[in-house]
Protein backbone atom coordinates (compact mmCIF):
# COMPACT_ATOMS: atom_id res chain seq x y z
CA MET A 1 -23.66 -0.51 18.35
CA LYS A 2 -23.93 -1.64 14.75
CA THR A 3 -21.98 0.15 12.07
CA ARG A 4 -23.21 0.65 8.53
CA PRO A 5 -21.11 -0.61 5.67
CA ARG A 6 -18.79 2.08 4.45
CA LEU A 7 -19.44 1.31 0.80
CA LEU A 8 -21.90 4.18 0.47
CA THR A 9 -19.29 6.68 1.62
CA SER A 10 -16.47 5.24 -0.49
CA ILE A 11 -15.29 7.64 -3.18
CA PRO A 12 -13.66 4.94 -5.38
CA PHE A 13 -16.96 3.02 -5.38
CA TRP A 14 -18.86 6.02 -6.68
CA VAL A 15 -16.13 6.81 -9.22
CA LEU A 16 -16.53 3.26 -10.53
CA VAL A 17 -20.31 3.67 -10.73
CA VAL A 18 -20.10 7.00 -12.59
CA ALA A 19 -17.32 5.83 -14.93
CA SER A 20 -19.23 2.62 -15.75
CA LEU A 21 -22.43 4.51 -16.50
CA ALA A 22 -20.52 7.02 -18.62
CA ALA A 23 -18.87 4.18 -20.56
CA ILE A 24 -22.22 2.51 -21.16
CA ILE A 25 -23.84 5.74 -22.36
CA GLY A 26 -20.83 6.71 -24.49
CA GLY A 27 -20.48 3.24 -26.02
CA LEU A 28 -24.18 3.08 -26.78
CA ALA A 29 -24.03 6.49 -28.46
CA ILE A 30 -21.05 5.43 -30.59
CA VAL A 31 -22.73 2.16 -31.60
CA LEU A 32 -26.05 3.79 -32.50
CA ASN A 33 -24.33 6.61 -34.40
CA GLY A 34 -22.17 4.09 -36.30
CA ILE A 35 -25.16 1.91 -37.19
CA ASN A 36 -27.11 4.94 -38.45
CA ALA A 37 -24.12 6.08 -40.52
CA MET A 38 -23.69 2.59 -42.01
CA GLU A 39 -27.39 2.39 -42.82
CA GLN A 40 -27.28 5.70 -44.70
CA VAL A 41 -24.11 4.78 -46.55
CA LEU A 42 -25.36 1.33 -47.53
CA ASN A 43 -28.56 2.81 -48.99
CA ASP A 44 -26.54 5.33 -51.00
CA PRO A 45 -25.56 3.89 -54.42
CA ASN A 46 -22.61 6.30 -54.70
CA ALA A 47 -20.96 5.23 -51.39
CA THR A 48 -17.30 4.35 -51.42
CA VAL A 49 -15.71 1.37 -49.74
CA VAL A 50 -14.01 3.62 -47.18
CA GLN A 51 -17.32 5.08 -46.05
CA VAL A 52 -18.81 1.63 -45.52
CA TYR A 53 -15.93 0.12 -43.56
CA VAL A 54 -15.28 3.15 -41.34
CA GLY A 55 -18.76 2.79 -39.88
CA GLN A 56 -18.07 -0.83 -38.99
CA SER A 57 -14.88 0.13 -37.15
CA TRP A 58 -16.72 2.72 -35.09
CA VAL A 59 -19.38 0.18 -34.14
CA VAL A 60 -16.66 -2.20 -32.93
CA VAL A 61 -15.02 0.57 -30.86
CA GLY A 62 -18.38 1.55 -29.39
CA ALA A 63 -19.15 -2.08 -28.54
CA ALA A 64 -15.82 -2.37 -26.69
CA VAL A 65 -16.54 0.78 -24.65
CA LEU A 66 -20.06 -0.48 -23.95
CA GLY A 67 -18.65 -3.83 -22.81
CA ALA A 68 -16.17 -2.11 -20.48
CA GLY A 69 -19.04 -0.19 -18.90
CA ALA A 70 -21.00 -3.41 -18.46
CA VAL A 71 -18.02 -5.06 -16.75
CA GLY A 72 -17.81 -2.03 -14.44
CA ILE A 73 -21.47 -2.35 -13.49
CA VAL A 74 -20.97 -6.05 -12.77
CA ALA A 75 -18.00 -5.12 -10.53
CA VAL A 76 -20.17 -2.53 -8.71
CA LEU A 77 -22.87 -5.13 -8.11
CA ALA A 78 -20.30 -7.66 -6.89
CA LEU A 79 -18.79 -5.13 -4.48
CA ALA A 80 -22.22 -4.22 -3.16
CA ALA A 81 -23.10 -7.89 -2.63
CA ALA A 82 -19.79 -8.62 -0.92
CA SER A 83 -20.21 -5.59 1.33
CA ALA A 84 -23.72 -6.68 2.28
CA LEU A 85 -22.64 -10.25 3.03
CA THR A 86 -19.56 -9.45 5.10
CA ARG A 87 -20.22 -8.82 8.72
CA ARG A 88 -18.50 -5.95 10.36
CA PRO A 89 -17.46 -6.39 13.98
CA ASP A 90 -19.50 -4.65 16.62
CA VAL A 91 -17.95 -1.52 18.02
CA ALA A 92 -17.83 -1.07 21.75
CA VAL A 93 -18.68 2.46 22.77
CA GLU A 94 -17.69 3.73 26.19
CA THR A 95 -20.12 6.14 27.73
CA ILE A 96 -18.77 8.94 29.88
CA ASP A 97 -20.51 9.80 33.11
CA TRP A 98 -20.04 13.58 33.28
CA ASN A 99 -21.68 13.82 36.70
CA SER A 100 -19.15 11.58 38.43
CA ASP A 101 -16.26 13.19 40.31
CA ASP A 102 -14.41 9.92 40.74
CA GLU A 103 -11.45 9.56 38.44
CA THR A 104 -10.75 5.93 37.75
CA ALA A 105 -7.42 6.30 35.97
CA LEU A 106 -4.73 8.01 38.01
CA GLU A 107 -1.63 9.26 36.31
CA PRO A 108 1.48 7.37 37.37
CA ALA A 109 3.89 9.32 39.55
CA PRO A 110 7.10 10.28 37.77
CA ALA A 111 10.16 8.21 38.65
CA PRO A 112 12.47 9.89 41.17
CA TYR A 113 15.62 11.45 39.79
CA THR A 114 18.64 9.21 40.11
CA SER A 115 22.10 10.22 39.06
CA ALA A 116 23.90 7.89 36.74
CA ALA A 117 27.23 6.34 37.64
CA PRO A 118 30.16 8.37 36.35
CA LEU A 119 31.68 7.14 33.14
CA ALA A 120 35.32 6.10 33.01
CA VAL A 121 36.79 8.11 30.16
CA GLU A 122 40.38 8.07 28.97
CA ASP A 123 42.23 11.31 28.91
CA ALA A 124 42.42 12.31 25.27
CA ASP A 125 45.59 14.35 25.78
CA VAL A 126 47.79 11.39 26.74
CA GLU A 127 49.73 10.05 23.79
CA THR A 128 51.39 6.65 23.68
CA PRO A 129 54.65 6.46 21.75
CA SER A 130 54.85 3.88 19.00
CA THR A 131 57.87 2.23 20.66
CA ALA A 132 55.97 1.46 23.87
CA THR A 133 55.01 -2.16 24.54
CA ALA A 134 51.36 -3.05 24.31
CA PRO A 135 49.43 -4.03 27.44
CA PRO A 136 49.03 -7.79 27.96
CA GLN A 137 45.40 -7.92 26.75
CA ALA A 138 46.21 -6.09 23.55
CA ALA A 139 49.21 -8.31 22.86
CA SER A 140 47.18 -11.49 23.09
CA ALA A 141 44.47 -9.98 20.95
CA ALA A 142 47.08 -8.94 18.39
CA ARG A 143 48.49 -12.49 18.30
CA HIS A 144 44.98 -13.85 17.90
CA ASP A 145 44.62 -12.08 14.56
CA GLU A 146 47.97 -13.34 13.20
CA PRO A 147 47.81 -16.10 10.59
CA ARG A 148 48.47 -19.53 12.01
CA LEU A 149 51.25 -21.50 10.40
CA ASP A 150 50.66 -25.26 10.44
CA ALA A 151 53.68 -27.00 11.77
CA GLY A 152 52.06 -30.40 11.41
CA ASP A 153 51.14 -30.77 15.07
CA ASP A 154 47.76 -29.98 16.57
CA THR A 155 49.06 -28.06 19.54
CA PRO A 156 47.49 -24.64 19.96
CA ARG A 157 49.78 -21.67 19.53
CA ARG A 158 50.36 -19.45 22.52
């Protein structure tokens, strides 16, 4: 089964198209309005310098907006071309035979209940006095953490 490119259903694609067209239309309106205003002001002998130069600024702003819209349209065309040229993988569709009574996948049987081995837990109520000697494992572990004093020989400390 072939799938259609999802570009036509992409919301960001359509937002880019609409925003680009709006920028082109808005920029064109600003440019044409600015050119008409400059034309009227330049034909007026009583026009001030401010009136003449403000029209030029608006034409530049309108041209920038128009250019941004044109770049957006170029991006839309590039996205559409890239979407058309990229091949989407074929999708395998499994058909279900509703008339068949044979179930091919059986559910695995649950594992039988096994009891876990009891845990060896110390009695929390038994207290060891601080004067009691440590068991042999703890004593060697305690000596292991002591700093080693170098006596000049390489014999290990016991």
